[in-house]
Structures are given as structure tokens and as C-alpha cells.
Amino acid sequence: MNKKVAILVYDEVVLLDFAGPGEVFETAGYDLYTVAESTDMITSQHFLFLKPQYDLSNCPKPDILLLPGGTTSIPLQNKAVIDWIKETTKEAEIVMSVCTGAFLLSGAHLLDGLKATTCNLQLERLRKEAPKTEVVSNVRYVDNGKIVTAGGFSAGIECAIYLVSRLSGPTIAKKVMIYLEYTKPPEEGLANLIS
């Protein structure tokens, strides 16, 4: 059975943060869908208009929850969204953040006692806002098992490839990399996928 991936979207979400990993997961054969507080149109980066497929009340239970970055202050102010993240995390196999999506995990107190990363420009802010978290710099992603955080932008793509390797095996991950012409993985964990 294919893994189900729910992508949380919201106004001012960063396109590459969800489209990059989304392309990886879709290429691996996973089933993807978008979810937001409501199915009203949202805007990504002032030019992409996106209508979420599901709202918080009818979203199918995902195996993977993807939390992209962007202006996370918008969803962080919404208790229903944060509560949904907490509840969905209980049953999800993996919750992956990209860039400032780590602040959604922090806001839901899901990074307490864990290691995490975010984009370079937001590391100090994450250290201040998540004092119970060991914030790691100079890495592309951090894997805590269920909770996985990626740095900014292209790090989300690398993290998604890593997760495909972890969940579906290196053969599938290598096929994804070849299809996406992604041939220079900086992380040691991905290096064995390229011969």
C-alpha cells in the first residue's frame, strides 16, 4: 500500500518547501494531498493560488505529515491548526518539517527534548523559541525517528529523498534521484545511493 502524505498549506507558505519534497514523494509513488484550515483558496509567495483538497475535519489520516515553511506566524496563531498537528502526529509514521515549518512543531511542543534544524537565517530564533530543543546547525536534516526536520529550501528535497530511502529502500530512492536528476547529495546517508 502506498504511503499517504498530507501537506499542510496556509497563506504565504513557501512553494519550494512543499513542492520539492512533494515531487520526491510523488515520484516514489506515494499518495499526496493538501490540507488547510479550510478549503478556501490560499496564496503561496504572491503568485500561486492553491485550493486545498481537504480541511482539518475531513483530511485522511496520513503516514507522513509535511509541514513546509513560510510565514508560520499565520498558522501558529490558529489553535485549531496546532491542535490538528498534535493529533495527527500521534498516528503518523513521520512528521517532516522544512525550513520554518520547524516552528509549527515547536509551537505544538513536539520538539521538546529532541534535536532539530531549520534554515540558517532562523536557527537563533528557533533556539530562543524552543529552549527545550537542541538546535543543530550545519546539517541538511535531523532524523529523530518520527520527527524529522530539514533546513531551508533544497534541504527539504534531500530530506524527502532520505525518507524515501528509509521507508521504501535505497533502490526506490535512487530511481527518484535519477528521475529528478539529483546527483550530488551532500549528506553521507545519501551518498551510497549514487554509484
C-alpha atoms as a PDB file:
ATOM      1  CA  MET A   1       0.000   0.000   0.000  1.00  0.00           C
ATOM      2  CA  ASN A   2       1.345   3.438  -0.944  1.00  0.00           C
ATOM      3  CA  LYS A   3       2.273   5.859   1.806  1.00  0.00           C
ATOM      4  CA  LYS A   4      -0.144   8.743   2.249  1.00  0.00           C
ATOM      5  CA  VAL A   5       1.426  12.202   2.543  1.00  0.00           C
ATOM      6  CA  ALA A   6      -0.586  15.153   3.854  1.00  0.00           C
ATOM      7  CA  ILE A   7       0.898  18.549   3.062  1.00  0.00           C
ATOM      8  CA  LEU A   8      -0.248  21.344   5.348  1.00  0.00           C
ATOM      9  CA  VAL A   9      -0.642  24.571   3.377  1.00  0.00           C
ATOM     10  CA  TYR A  10      -1.504  28.068   4.534  1.00  0.00           C
ATOM     11  CA  ASP A  11      -1.327  31.633   3.270  1.00  0.00           C
ATOM     12  CA  GLU A  12       2.267  32.648   2.484  1.00  0.00           C
ATOM     13  CA  VAL A  13       3.576  29.068   2.530  1.00  0.00           C
ATOM     14  CA  VAL A  14       6.859  28.730   0.611  1.00  0.00           C
ATOM     15  CA  LEU A  15       6.354  26.952  -2.702  1.00  0.00           C
ATOM     16  CA  LEU A  16       9.660  25.065  -2.826  1.00  0.00           C
ATOM     17  CA  ASP A  17       9.221  23.852   0.753  1.00  0.00           C
ATOM     18  CA  PHE A  18       6.238  21.738  -0.221  1.00  0.00           C
ATOM     19  CA  ALA A  19       6.636  21.339  -3.996  1.00  0.00           C
ATOM     20  CA  GLY A  20      10.203  19.995  -3.779  1.00  0.00           C
ATOM     21  CA  PRO A  21       9.519  17.234  -1.235  1.00  0.00           C
ATOM     22  CA  GLY A  22       6.128  16.681  -2.856  1.00  0.00           C
ATOM     23  CA  GLU A  23       7.804  15.921  -6.174  1.00  0.00           C
ATOM     24  CA  VAL A  24      10.100  13.434  -4.441  1.00  0.00           C
ATOM     25  CA  PHE A  25       7.256  11.628  -2.674  1.00  0.00           C
ATOM     26  CA  GLU A  26       5.064  11.618  -5.785  1.00  0.00           C
ATOM     27  CA  THR A  27       7.897  10.222  -7.903  1.00  0.00           C
ATOM     28  CA  ALA A  28       8.349   7.472  -5.296  1.00  0.00           C
ATOM     29  CA  GLY A  29       4.711   6.502  -5.826  1.00  0.00           C
ATOM     30  CA  TYR A  30       3.280   7.928  -2.621  1.00  0.00           C
ATOM     31  CA  ASP A  31      -0.226   9.408  -2.489  1.00  0.00           C
ATOM     32  CA  LEU A  32      -0.167  13.143  -1.789  1.00  0.00           C
ATOM     33  CA  TYR A  33      -2.869  15.615  -0.817  1.00  0.00           C
ATOM     34  CA  THR A  34      -3.065  19.111   0.589  1.00  0.00           C
ATOM     35  CA  VAL A  35      -4.831  20.143   3.775  1.00  0.00           C
ATOM     36  CA  ALA A  36      -5.537  23.523   5.336  1.00  0.00           C
ATOM     37  CA  GLU A  37      -7.791  25.010   7.974  1.00  0.00           C
ATOM     38  CA  SER A  38     -10.421  25.309   5.250  1.00  0.00           C
ATOM     39  CA  THR A  39     -10.620  24.557   1.550  1.00  0.00           C
ATOM     40  CA  ASP A  40     -10.662  28.273   0.723  1.00  0.00           C
ATOM     41  CA  MET A  41      -8.009  29.388  -1.756  1.00  0.00           C
ATOM     42  CA  ILE A  42      -4.603  30.177  -0.283  1.00  0.00           C
ATOM     43  CA  THR A  43      -1.695  32.106  -1.793  1.00  0.00           C
ATOM     44  CA  SER A  44       1.915  30.954  -1.948  1.00  0.00           C
ATOM     45  CA  GLN A  45       4.535  33.647  -2.497  1.00  0.00           C
ATOM     46  CA  HIS A  46       2.120  36.150  -4.010  1.00  0.00           C
ATOM     47  CA  PHE A  47       1.743  34.320  -7.325  1.00  0.00           C
ATOM     48  CA  LEU A  48       0.488  30.780  -6.808  1.00  0.00           C
ATOM     49  CA  PHE A  49      -3.150  30.322  -5.876  1.00  0.00           C
ATOM     50  CA  LEU A  50      -3.895  26.931  -4.392  1.00  0.00           C
ATOM     51  CA  LYS A  51      -7.163  25.324  -3.350  1.00  0.00           C
ATOM     52  CA  PRO A  52      -6.516  22.734  -0.600  1.00  0.00           C
ATOM     53  CA  GLN A  53      -8.096  19.339  -1.185  1.00  0.00           C
ATOM     54  CA  TYR A  54      -9.108  18.793   2.454  1.00  0.00           C
ATOM     55  CA  ASP A  55      -9.781  20.788   5.573  1.00  0.00           C
ATOM     56  CA  LEU A  56      -8.819  19.783   9.106  1.00  0.00           C
ATOM     57  CA  SER A  57     -12.104  17.974   9.678  1.00  0.00           C
ATOM     58  CA  ASN A  58     -12.046  15.620   6.687  1.00  0.00           C
ATOM     59  CA  CYS A  59      -8.351  15.053   5.937  1.00  0.00           C
ATOM     60  CA  PRO A  60      -7.489  11.350   5.563  1.00  0.00           C
ATOM     61  CA  LYS A  61      -5.013  10.092   8.149  1.00  0.00           C
ATOM     62  CA  PRO A  62      -1.528  10.404   6.678  1.00  0.00           C
ATOM     63  CA  ASP A  63       1.501   8.193   7.090  1.00  0.00           C
ATOM     64  CA  ILE A  64       3.649  11.288   6.554  1.00  0.00           C
ATOM     65  CA  LEU A  65       2.720  14.820   7.562  1.00  0.00           C
ATOM     66  CA  LEU A  66       4.722  17.502   5.739  1.00  0.00           C
ATOM     67  CA  LEU A  67       4.953  20.923   7.389  1.00  0.00           C
ATOM     68  CA  PRO A  68       6.509  23.425   4.970  1.00  0.00           C
ATOM     69  CA  GLY A  69       7.897  26.788   5.951  1.00  0.00           C
ATOM     70  CA  GLY A  70       6.693  30.244   5.140  1.00  0.00           C
ATOM     71  CA  THR A  71       5.014  32.865   7.269  1.00  0.00           C
ATOM     72  CA  THR A  72       4.353  30.355  10.032  1.00  0.00           C
ATOM     73  CA  SER A  73       3.055  33.069  12.341  1.00  0.00           C
ATOM     74  CA  ILE A  74      -0.245  32.701  10.448  1.00  0.00           C
ATOM     75  CA  PRO A  75      -0.922  29.039  11.350  1.00  0.00           C
ATOM     76  CA  LEU A  76       0.775  29.432  14.751  1.00  0.00           C
ATOM     77  CA  GLN A  77      -1.955  31.877  15.749  1.00  0.00           C
ATOM     78  CA  ASN A  78      -4.601  29.292  14.918  1.00  0.00           C
ATOM     79  CA  LYS A  79      -5.254  26.899  17.816  1.00  0.00           C
ATOM     80  CA  ALA A  80      -7.254  24.537  15.585  1.00  0.00           C
ATOM     81  CA  VAL A  81      -4.263  24.081  13.246  1.00  0.00           C
ATOM     82  CA  ILE A  82      -1.805  23.469  16.112  1.00  0.00           C
ATOM     83  CA  ASP A  83      -4.181  21.035  17.800  1.00  0.00           C
ATOM     84  CA  TRP A  84      -4.622  19.212  14.482  1.00  0.00           C
ATOM     85  CA  ILE A  85      -0.835  18.919  14.085  1.00  0.00           C
ATOM     86  CA  LYS A  86      -0.591  17.443  17.605  1.00  0.00           C
ATOM     87  CA  GLU A  87      -3.363  14.934  16.991  1.00  0.00           C
ATOM     88  CA  THR A  88      -2.150  13.942  13.524  1.00  0.00           C
ATOM     89  CA  THR A  89       1.377  13.424  14.840  1.00  0.00           C
ATOM     90  CA  LYS A  90       0.125  10.779  17.282  1.00  0.00           C
ATOM     91  CA  GLU A  91      -0.821   8.399  14.469  1.00  0.00           C
ATOM     92  CA  ALA A  92       1.521   9.488  11.665  1.00  0.00           C
ATOM     93  CA  GLU A  93       4.602   7.422  10.969  1.00  0.00           C
ATOM     94  CA  ILE A  94       6.682  10.524  10.218  1.00  0.00           C
ATOM     95  CA  VAL A  95       6.205  14.261  10.627  1.00  0.00           C
ATOM     96  CA  MET A  96       8.634  16.240   8.479  1.00  0.00           C
ATOM     97  CA  SER A  97       9.182  19.972   8.632  1.00  0.00           C
ATOM     98  CA  VAL A  98      11.030  22.065   6.083  1.00  0.00           C
ATOM     99  CA  CYS A  99      12.655  25.395   6.902  1.00  0.00           C
ATOM    100  CA  THR A 100      10.462  27.441   9.258  1.00  0.00           C
ATOM    101  CA  GLY A 101       7.970  24.583   9.389  1.00  0.00           C
ATOM    102  CA  ALA A 102      10.041  23.620  12.460  1.00  0.00           C
ATOM    103  CA  PHE A 103       8.272  26.444  14.293  1.00  0.00           C
ATOM    104  CA  LEU A 104       4.968  24.640  13.790  1.00  0.00           C
ATOM    105  CA  LEU A 105       6.463  21.615  15.530  1.00  0.00           C
ATOM    106  CA  SER A 106       7.867  23.835  18.256  1.00  0.00           C
ATOM    107  CA  GLY A 107       4.545  25.619  18.675  1.00  0.00           C
ATOM    108  CA  ALA A 108       2.886  22.230  19.179  1.00  0.00           C
ATOM    109  CA  HIS A 109       5.625  21.278  21.720  1.00  0.00           C
ATOM    110  CA  LEU A 110       6.687  18.388  19.509  1.00  0.00           C
ATOM    111  CA  LEU A 111      10.379  19.312  19.502  1.00  0.00           C
ATOM    112  CA  ASP A 112      10.829  19.235  23.282  1.00  0.00           C
ATOM    113  CA  GLY A 113      13.776  17.015  24.167  1.00  0.00           C
ATOM    114  CA  LEU A 114      14.721  16.462  20.528  1.00  0.00           C
ATOM    115  CA  LYS A 115      17.342  17.714  18.093  1.00  0.00           C
ATOM    116  CA  ALA A 116      16.111  19.920  15.247  1.00  0.00           C
ATOM    117  CA  THR A 117      17.216  22.225  12.495  1.00  0.00           C
ATOM    118  CA  THR A 118      15.742  24.924  10.299  1.00  0.00           C
ATOM    119  CA  CYS A 119      17.059  27.312   7.649  1.00  0.00           C
ATOM    120  CA  ASN A 120      20.290  29.089   8.553  1.00  0.00           C
ATOM    121  CA  LEU A 121      18.667  32.507   8.993  1.00  0.00           C
ATOM    122  CA  GLN A 122      16.203  31.157  11.581  1.00  0.00           C
ATOM    123  CA  LEU A 123      18.477  28.990  13.756  1.00  0.00           C
ATOM    124  CA  GLU A 124      18.898  31.571  16.519  1.00  0.00           C
ATOM    125  CA  ARG A 125      15.186  32.287  16.567  1.00  0.00           C
ATOM    126  CA  LEU A 126      14.448  28.567  16.938  1.00  0.00           C
ATOM    127  CA  ARG A 127      16.932  28.359  19.816  1.00  0.00           C
ATOM    128  CA  LYS A 128      15.065  31.166  21.589  1.00  0.00           C
ATOM    129  CA  GLU A 129      11.570  29.862  20.870  1.00  0.00           C
ATOM    130  CA  ALA A 130      12.372  26.198  21.534  1.00  0.00           C
ATOM    131  CA  PRO A 131      14.598  26.228  24.634  1.00  0.00           C
ATOM    132  CA  LYS A 132      13.956  22.520  25.317  1.00  0.00           C
ATOM    133  CA  THR A 133      15.266  21.600  21.843  1.00  0.00           C
ATOM    134  CA  GLU A 134      18.869  21.075  20.786  1.00  0.00           C
ATOM    135  CA  VAL A 135      19.028  23.196  17.644  1.00  0.00           C
ATOM    136  CA  VAL A 136      21.660  21.885  15.237  1.00  0.00           C
ATOM    137  CA  SER A 137      23.426  23.956  12.588  1.00  0.00           C
ATOM    138  CA  ASN A 138      25.478  22.918   9.554  1.00  0.00           C
ATOM    139  CA  VAL A 139      23.254  19.936   8.745  1.00  0.00           C
ATOM    140  CA  ARG A 140      20.685  19.476   5.997  1.00  0.00           C
ATOM    141  CA  TYR A 141      18.238  17.500   8.133  1.00  0.00           C
ATOM    142  CA  VAL A 142      17.836  15.864  11.537  1.00  0.00           C
ATOM    143  CA  ASP A 143      16.112  12.497  11.986  1.00  0.00           C
ATOM    144  CA  ASN A 144      14.627  11.799  15.432  1.00  0.00           C
ATOM    145  CA  GLY A 145      12.621   8.811  14.209  1.00  0.00           C
ATOM    146  CA  LYS A 146       9.066  10.112  13.987  1.00  0.00           C
ATOM    147  CA  ILE A 147      10.003  13.815  13.928  1.00  0.00           C
ATOM    148  CA  VAL A 148      12.317  14.864  11.087  1.00  0.00           C
ATOM    149  CA  THR A 149      13.349  18.462  10.464  1.00  0.00           C
ATOM    150  CA  ALA A 150      15.019  19.815   7.330  1.00  0.00           C
ATOM    151  CA  GLY A 151      16.855  23.049   6.716  1.00  0.00           C
ATOM    152  CA  GLY A 152      15.694  25.503   4.115  1.00  0.00           C
ATOM    153  CA  PHE A 153      14.584  25.111   0.526  1.00  0.00           C
ATOM    154  CA  SER A 154      16.632  22.408  -1.248  1.00  0.00           C
ATOM    155  CA  ALA A 155      17.324  20.660   2.070  1.00  0.00           C
ATOM    156  CA  GLY A 156      13.676  19.631   2.015  1.00  0.00           C
ATOM    157  CA  ILE A 157      14.257  17.777  -1.236  1.00  0.00           C
ATOM    158  CA  GLU A 158      17.271  15.950   0.202  1.00  0.00           C
ATOM    159  CA  CYS A 159      15.373  15.095   3.363  1.00  0.00           C
ATOM    160  CA  ALA A 160      12.457  13.692   1.348  1.00  0.00           C
ATOM    161  CA  ILE A 161      14.857  11.515  -0.682  1.00  0.00           C
ATOM    162  CA  TYR A 162      16.395  10.296   2.558  1.00  0.00           C
ATOM    163  CA  LEU A 163      12.940   9.423   3.901  1.00  0.00           C
ATOM    164  CA  VAL A 164      12.040   7.554   0.725  1.00  0.00           C
ATOM    165  CA  SER A 165      15.233   5.537   1.194  1.00  0.00           C
ATOM    166  CA  ARG A 166      14.365   4.911   4.827  1.00  0.00           C
ATOM    167  CA  LEU A 167      10.756   3.901   4.131  1.00  0.00           C
ATOM    168  CA  SER A 168      10.894   2.275   0.694  1.00  0.00           C
ATOM    169  CA  GLY A 169      14.535   1.303   0.318  1.00  0.00           C
ATOM    170  CA  PRO A 170      17.586   2.673  -1.472  1.00  0.00           C
ATOM    171  CA  THR A 171      16.583   1.244  -4.858  1.00  0.00           C
ATOM    172  CA  ILE A 172      13.426   3.391  -4.982  1.00  0.00           C
ATOM    173  CA  ALA A 173      15.308   6.420  -3.642  1.00  0.00           C
ATOM    174  CA  LYS A 174      17.986   6.018  -6.306  1.00  0.00           C
ATOM    175  CA  LYS A 175      15.325   5.844  -9.037  1.00  0.00           C
ATOM    176  CA  VAL A 176      13.808   9.056  -7.676  1.00  0.00           C
ATOM    177  CA  MET A 177      17.193  10.767  -7.711  1.00  0.00           C
ATOM    178  CA  ILE A 178      17.887   9.680 -11.281  1.00  0.00           C
ATOM    179  CA  TYR A 179      14.445  10.841 -12.443  1.00  0.00           C
ATOM    180  CA  LEU A 180      14.869  14.214 -10.719  1.00  0.00           C
ATOM    181  CA  GLU A 181      18.473  14.484 -11.968  1.00  0.00           C
ATOM    182  CA  TYR A 182      19.548  14.903  -8.366  1.00  0.00           C
ATOM    183  CA  THR A 183      23.073  13.549  -8.436  1.00  0.00           C
ATOM    184  CA  LYS A 184      25.132  15.338  -5.810  1.00  0.00           C
ATOM    185  CA  PRO A 185      23.842  14.500  -2.334  1.00  0.00           C
ATOM    186  CA  PRO A 186      25.804  16.326   0.373  1.00  0.00           C
ATOM    187  CA  GLU A 187      24.626  14.078   3.209  1.00  0.00           C
ATOM    188  CA  GLU A 188      26.622  10.939   3.934  1.00  0.00           C
ATOM    189  CA  GLY A 189      23.376   8.979   4.301  1.00  0.00           C
ATOM    190  CA  LEU A 190      22.534   9.629   0.655  1.00  0.00           C
ATOM    191  CA  ALA A 191      25.992   9.076  -0.767  1.00  0.00           C
ATOM    192  CA  ASN A 192      25.526   5.306  -1.075  1.00  0.00           C
ATOM    193  CA  LEU A 193      22.548   5.833  -3.379  1.00  0.00           C
ATOM    194  CA  ILE A 194      24.759   7.128  -6.182  1.00  0.00           C
ATOM    195  CA  SER A 195      27.184   4.659  -7.732  1.00  0.00           C
END
